[in-house]
Each structure stands twice: as structure tokens, then as C-alpha cells.
Amino acid sequence: MKGSDLKVFRKVNNLTQEQLGDYLGIKKSFISQIESGKCAMPTDKFNKLINNPYGWVTEMITNDGD
């Protein structure tokens, strides 16, 4: 998953880094590192994001190994 796609996801779904981090159980700083391309999204967190119960738009994010 590309970090820029995660940022688009957050903006489209009107979420802050802190809100997304709280949902995924990771720190805001780690969300920032993912968005900047310094770290990869862990697979379990990616799956939690895709299968969210909130109806968030997820079409812009894919698990393409980036």
C-alpha cells in the first residue's frame, strides 16, 4: 500500500491521523511514517482498515506491496 493512498483515504473519510491510529491500535506517529513512505502498513492493520464496520470508502487503497 502506498502511503499517499492512506493519506487520501483519511482525507476522503474525514479522519485525522490520531483517529485512524486509534481505530487501528497504532500511534499517530506511525500513521505519519506510513504516509511518508518510511514504514509499511502491517498486513493485519491493512485488513482491519479494509474490513472496517464504518462504511469508509476504501477503493483508493490496495495491498500492492508498496
Protein backbone atom coordinates (compact mmCIF):
# COMPACT_ATOMS: atom_id res chain seq x y z
CA MET A 1 0.00 0.00 0.00
CA LYS A 2 1.30 3.42 -0.87
CA GLY A 3 1.45 5.93 1.93
CA SER A 4 -0.04 8.62 -0.28
CA ASP A 5 -3.08 6.38 -0.75
CA LEU A 6 -3.52 6.17 3.00
CA LYS A 7 -3.46 9.95 3.23
CA VAL A 8 -6.12 10.18 0.51
CA PHE A 9 -8.16 7.58 2.39
CA ARG A 10 -8.00 9.68 5.56
CA LYS A 11 -8.97 12.88 3.78
CA VAL A 12 -11.87 11.29 1.87
CA ASN A 13 -13.20 9.74 5.07
CA ASN A 14 -12.59 12.89 7.11
CA LEU A 15 -10.25 11.22 9.60
CA THR A 16 -7.23 12.58 11.42
CA GLN A 17 -4.06 10.55 11.85
CA GLU A 18 -4.95 10.23 15.51
CA GLN A 19 -8.46 8.92 14.80
CA LEU A 20 -7.16 6.37 12.31
CA GLY A 21 -4.39 5.33 14.66
CA ASP A 22 -6.88 4.85 17.49
CA TYR A 23 -9.03 2.63 15.28
CA LEU A 24 -6.07 0.54 14.10
CA GLY A 25 -4.39 0.41 17.51
CA ILE A 26 -1.23 2.21 16.39
CA LYS A 27 0.27 5.60 17.18
CA LYS A 28 -0.35 8.75 15.17
CA SER A 29 3.40 8.94 14.53
CA PHE A 30 3.32 5.51 12.87
CA ILE A 31 0.46 6.63 10.60
CA SER A 32 2.67 9.58 9.64
CA GLN A 33 5.58 7.26 8.85
CA ILE A 34 3.34 5.08 6.68
CA GLU A 35 2.03 8.12 4.81
CA SER A 36 5.55 9.40 4.20
CA GLY A 37 6.71 6.02 2.89
CA LYS A 38 9.14 5.37 5.75
CA CYS A 39 7.22 2.33 7.04
CA ALA A 40 4.84 -0.21 5.57
CA MET A 41 1.34 -0.87 6.83
CA PRO A 42 1.28 -4.19 8.71
CA THR A 43 -0.95 -6.74 6.97
CA ASP A 44 -3.25 -7.20 9.96
CA LYS A 45 -3.82 -3.43 10.18
CA PHE A 46 -4.42 -3.22 6.43
CA ASN A 47 -7.06 -5.95 6.68
CA LYS A 48 -8.72 -4.20 9.62
CA LEU A 49 -8.82 -0.99 7.58
CA ILE A 50 -10.36 -2.66 4.53
CA ASN A 51 -12.96 -4.54 6.61
CA ASN A 52 -13.96 -1.59 8.79
CA PRO A 53 -17.50 -1.51 10.21
CA TYR A 54 -17.94 2.21 9.48
CA GLY A 55 -18.51 2.06 5.74
CA TRP A 56 -15.41 4.11 4.99
CA VAL A 57 -14.52 4.47 1.33
CA THR A 58 -11.53 2.15 0.74
CA GLU A 59 -11.32 1.93 -3.05
CA MET A 60 -8.20 4.11 -3.19
CA ILE A 61 -6.09 1.70 -1.13
CA THR A 62 -4.74 -1.62 -2.31
CA ASN A 63 -2.30 -4.12 -0.85
CA ASP A 64 0.07 -3.97 -3.79
CA GLY A 65 3.23 -4.50 -1.79
CA ASP A 66 4.39 -0.86 -2.00
